[in-house]
Amino acid sequence: MSREENTAARYRIMFRHYPDVLTPRQVQEMLGVGQRMAYGLLRNGKISSVRMGRLYRVPKVAVIDYLCGEEKT
């Protein structure tokens, strides 16, 4: 199975009930971490995110990649 197929399979299975674009609060729930930890992961680039003013938006696939230990490109 190619890397893209593997990623697509994980994406379909994990966190189905969450939207494709997440808030930091949803990231906290998914990972079972506190607010400080979630924002730290976003600020340090461990989980890819987009910042719009003061708001963070996180692609669900970025959280899945973080959990599966895949490096950002």
N, C-alpha and C. Protein backbone atom coordinates (compact mmCIF):
# COMPACT_ATOMS: atom_id res chain seq x y z
N MET A 1 0.85 -1.17 0.00
CA MET A 1 0.00 0.00 0.00
C MET A 1 0.90 1.25 0.00
N SER A 2 0.59 2.20 -0.87
CA SER A 2 1.40 3.42 -0.94
C SER A 2 1.12 4.32 0.26
N ARG A 3 1.98 5.28 0.47
CA ARG A 3 1.83 6.21 1.59
C ARG A 3 0.50 6.97 1.50
N GLU A 4 0.13 7.37 0.29
CA GLU A 4 -1.13 8.11 0.10
C GLU A 4 -2.34 7.24 0.43
N GLU A 5 -2.29 5.98 0.02
CA GLU A 5 -3.39 5.06 0.31
C GLU A 5 -3.48 4.79 1.81
N ASN A 6 -2.33 4.65 2.44
CA ASN A 6 -2.27 4.43 3.88
C ASN A 6 -2.87 5.62 4.63
N THR A 7 -2.49 6.82 4.23
CA THR A 7 -3.02 8.04 4.85
C THR A 7 -4.52 8.14 4.64
N ALA A 8 -4.98 7.86 3.43
CA ALA A 8 -6.40 7.92 3.13
C ALA A 8 -7.19 6.91 3.96
N ALA A 9 -6.65 5.73 4.15
CA ALA A 9 -7.33 4.71 4.94
C ALA A 9 -7.45 5.14 6.40
N ARG A 10 -6.37 5.69 6.95
CA ARG A 10 -6.41 6.18 8.33
C ARG A 10 -7.42 7.31 8.48
N TYR A 11 -7.43 8.20 7.50
CA TYR A 11 -8.31 9.37 7.55
C TYR A 11 -9.78 8.95 7.58
N ARG A 12 -10.12 7.91 6.83
CA ARG A 12 -11.51 7.43 6.80
C ARG A 12 -11.91 6.77 8.12
N ILE A 13 -10.96 6.17 8.82
CA ILE A 13 -11.26 5.41 10.02
C ILE A 13 -11.23 6.27 11.29
N MET A 14 -10.19 7.09 11.44
CA MET A 14 -9.98 7.81 12.70
C MET A 14 -10.82 9.08 12.81
N PHE A 15 -11.42 9.27 13.96
CA PHE A 15 -12.13 10.51 14.29
C PHE A 15 -13.20 10.86 13.27
N ARG A 16 -13.99 9.89 12.87
CA ARG A 16 -15.04 10.11 11.87
C ARG A 16 -16.04 11.18 12.28
N HIS A 17 -16.33 11.30 13.55
CA HIS A 17 -17.36 12.23 14.00
C HIS A 17 -16.87 13.67 14.14
N TYR A 18 -15.60 13.93 13.84
CA TYR A 18 -15.08 15.30 13.88
C TYR A 18 -15.09 15.90 12.48
N PRO A 19 -15.25 17.22 12.37
CA PRO A 19 -15.21 17.87 11.04
C PRO A 19 -13.81 17.84 10.45
N ASP A 20 -13.69 18.18 9.18
CA ASP A 20 -12.39 18.17 8.49
C ASP A 20 -11.46 19.26 8.98
N VAL A 21 -12.02 20.36 9.47
CA VAL A 21 -11.24 21.48 10.00
C VAL A 21 -11.63 21.65 11.46
N LEU A 22 -10.62 21.65 12.33
CA LEU A 22 -10.85 21.61 13.78
C LEU A 22 -10.47 22.91 14.46
N THR A 23 -11.03 23.10 15.64
CA THR A 23 -10.62 24.17 16.54
C THR A 23 -9.60 23.58 17.52
N PRO A 24 -8.84 24.42 18.20
CA PRO A 24 -7.93 23.90 19.22
C PRO A 24 -8.66 23.10 20.31
N ARG A 25 -9.87 23.49 20.63
CA ARG A 25 -10.66 22.76 21.64
C ARG A 25 -10.92 21.32 21.18
N GLN A 26 -11.24 21.16 19.91
CA GLN A 26 -11.47 19.82 19.38
C GLN A 26 -10.18 19.01 19.34
N VAL A 27 -9.06 19.67 19.07
CA VAL A 27 -7.76 18.99 19.11
C VAL A 27 -7.50 18.49 20.53
N GLN A 28 -7.81 19.30 21.53
CA GLN A 28 -7.66 18.89 22.93
C GLN A 28 -8.46 17.61 23.20
N GLU A 29 -9.72 17.60 22.76
CA GLU A 29 -10.58 16.44 22.98
C GLU A 29 -10.01 15.20 22.29
N MET A 30 -9.57 15.37 21.05
CA MET A 30 -9.07 14.23 20.27
C MET A 30 -7.83 13.62 20.92
N LEU A 31 -6.94 14.47 21.41
CA LEU A 31 -5.68 13.98 21.98
C LEU A 31 -5.74 13.73 23.47
N GLY A 32 -6.78 14.22 24.11
CA GLY A 32 -6.91 14.05 25.56
C GLY A 32 -5.86 14.84 26.33
N VAL A 33 -5.58 16.06 25.85
CA VAL A 33 -4.58 16.92 26.48
C VAL A 33 -5.26 18.22 26.91
N GLY A 34 -4.54 19.00 27.68
CA GLY A 34 -5.05 20.27 28.15
C GLY A 34 -4.86 21.39 27.12
N GLN A 35 -5.40 22.54 27.46
CA GLN A 35 -5.34 23.69 26.57
C GLN A 35 -3.90 24.12 26.30
N ARG A 36 -3.10 24.18 27.34
CA ARG A 36 -1.71 24.61 27.20
C ARG A 36 -0.92 23.69 26.26
N MET A 37 -1.12 22.40 26.41
CA MET A 37 -0.43 21.42 25.56
C MET A 37 -0.89 21.54 24.11
N ALA A 38 -2.19 21.65 23.89
CA ALA A 38 -2.72 21.75 22.53
C ALA A 38 -2.17 22.99 21.83
N TYR A 39 -2.22 24.14 22.48
CA TYR A 39 -1.69 25.35 21.86
C TYR A 39 -0.18 25.28 21.67
N GLY A 40 0.52 24.61 22.56
CA GLY A 40 1.96 24.42 22.40
C GLY A 40 2.29 23.62 21.16
N LEU A 41 1.53 22.55 20.92
CA LEU A 41 1.74 21.73 19.72
C LEU A 41 1.49 22.54 18.45
N LEU A 42 0.50 23.40 18.50
CA LEU A 42 0.18 24.24 17.33
C LEU A 42 1.24 25.32 17.13
N ARG A 43 1.61 25.99 18.20
CA ARG A 43 2.61 27.07 18.12
C ARG A 43 3.96 26.57 17.64
N ASN A 44 4.37 25.40 18.13
CA ASN A 44 5.68 24.84 17.78
C ASN A 44 5.69 24.13 16.45
N GLY A 45 4.55 24.05 15.79
CA GLY A 45 4.49 23.42 14.48
C GLY A 45 4.50 21.90 14.51
N LYS A 46 4.32 21.31 15.67
CA LYS A 46 4.25 19.84 15.76
C LYS A 46 3.00 19.33 15.05
N ILE A 47 1.93 20.12 15.11
CA ILE A 47 0.70 19.85 14.37
C ILE A 47 0.49 21.04 13.45
N SER A 48 0.36 20.78 12.16
CA SER A 48 0.16 21.85 11.18
C SER A 48 -1.17 22.55 11.44
N SER A 49 -1.15 23.86 11.31
CA SER A 49 -2.37 24.63 11.50
C SER A 49 -2.30 25.91 10.68
N VAL A 50 -3.43 26.56 10.57
CA VAL A 50 -3.52 27.86 9.90
C VAL A 50 -4.00 28.84 10.95
N ARG A 51 -3.33 29.96 11.02
CA ARG A 51 -3.72 30.98 11.98
C ARG A 51 -4.38 32.13 11.24
N MET A 52 -5.58 32.49 11.67
CA MET A 52 -6.33 33.59 11.09
C MET A 52 -6.58 34.59 12.20
N GLY A 53 -5.73 35.61 12.26
CA GLY A 53 -5.81 36.54 13.38
C GLY A 53 -5.43 35.81 14.65
N ARG A 54 -6.35 35.76 15.60
CA ARG A 54 -6.10 35.06 16.85
C ARG A 54 -6.60 33.63 16.85
N LEU A 55 -7.26 33.22 15.76
CA LEU A 55 -7.87 31.90 15.70
C LEU A 55 -6.96 30.89 15.00
N TYR A 56 -6.90 29.69 15.54
CA TYR A 56 -6.21 28.58 14.90
C TYR A 56 -7.26 27.68 14.26
N ARG A 57 -6.95 27.18 13.08
CA ARG A 57 -7.76 26.15 12.44
C ARG A 57 -6.80 25.03 12.05
N VAL A 58 -7.22 23.81 12.34
CA VAL A 58 -6.33 22.66 12.20
C VAL A 58 -6.98 21.62 11.28
N PRO A 59 -6.31 21.24 10.20
CA PRO A 59 -6.84 20.14 9.38
C PRO A 59 -6.84 18.84 10.19
N LYS A 60 -7.92 18.11 10.11
CA LYS A 60 -8.01 16.85 10.86
C LYS A 60 -6.87 15.90 10.48
N VAL A 61 -6.50 15.90 9.23
CA VAL A 61 -5.42 15.01 8.77
C VAL A 61 -4.10 15.36 9.47
N ALA A 62 -3.90 16.61 9.87
CA ALA A 62 -2.67 16.99 10.58
C ALA A 62 -2.61 16.33 11.96
N VAL A 63 -3.74 16.21 12.62
CA VAL A 63 -3.79 15.55 13.93
C VAL A 63 -3.53 14.05 13.75
N ILE A 64 -4.11 13.47 12.72
CA ILE A 64 -3.90 12.05 12.45
C ILE A 64 -2.43 11.78 12.12
N ASP A 65 -1.83 12.65 11.31
CA ASP A 65 -0.41 12.51 10.99
C ASP A 65 0.45 12.61 12.25
N TYR A 66 0.11 13.52 13.14
CA TYR A 66 0.85 13.68 14.40
C TYR A 66 0.76 12.40 15.23
N LEU A 67 -0.43 11.86 15.35
CA LEU A 67 -0.62 10.64 16.14
C LEU A 67 0.11 9.45 15.54
N CYS A 68 0.18 9.40 14.22
CA CYS A 68 0.82 8.27 13.55
C CYS A 68 2.31 8.48 13.38
N GLY A 69 2.81 9.61 13.85
CA GLY A 69 4.26 9.85 13.84
C GLY A 69 4.82 10.20 12.49
N GLU A 70 4.00 10.74 11.60
CA GLU A 70 4.51 11.10 10.28
C GLU A 70 5.07 12.51 10.30
N GLU A 71 6.19 12.69 9.61
CA GLU A 71 6.85 13.99 9.52
C GLU A 71 6.11 14.90 8.59
N LYS A 72 6.10 16.20 8.93
CA LYS A 72 5.55 17.20 8.02
C LYS A 72 6.52 17.39 6.87
N THR A 73 5.97 17.68 5.70
CA THR A 73 6.84 17.96 4.54
C THR A 73 6.78 19.41 4.18
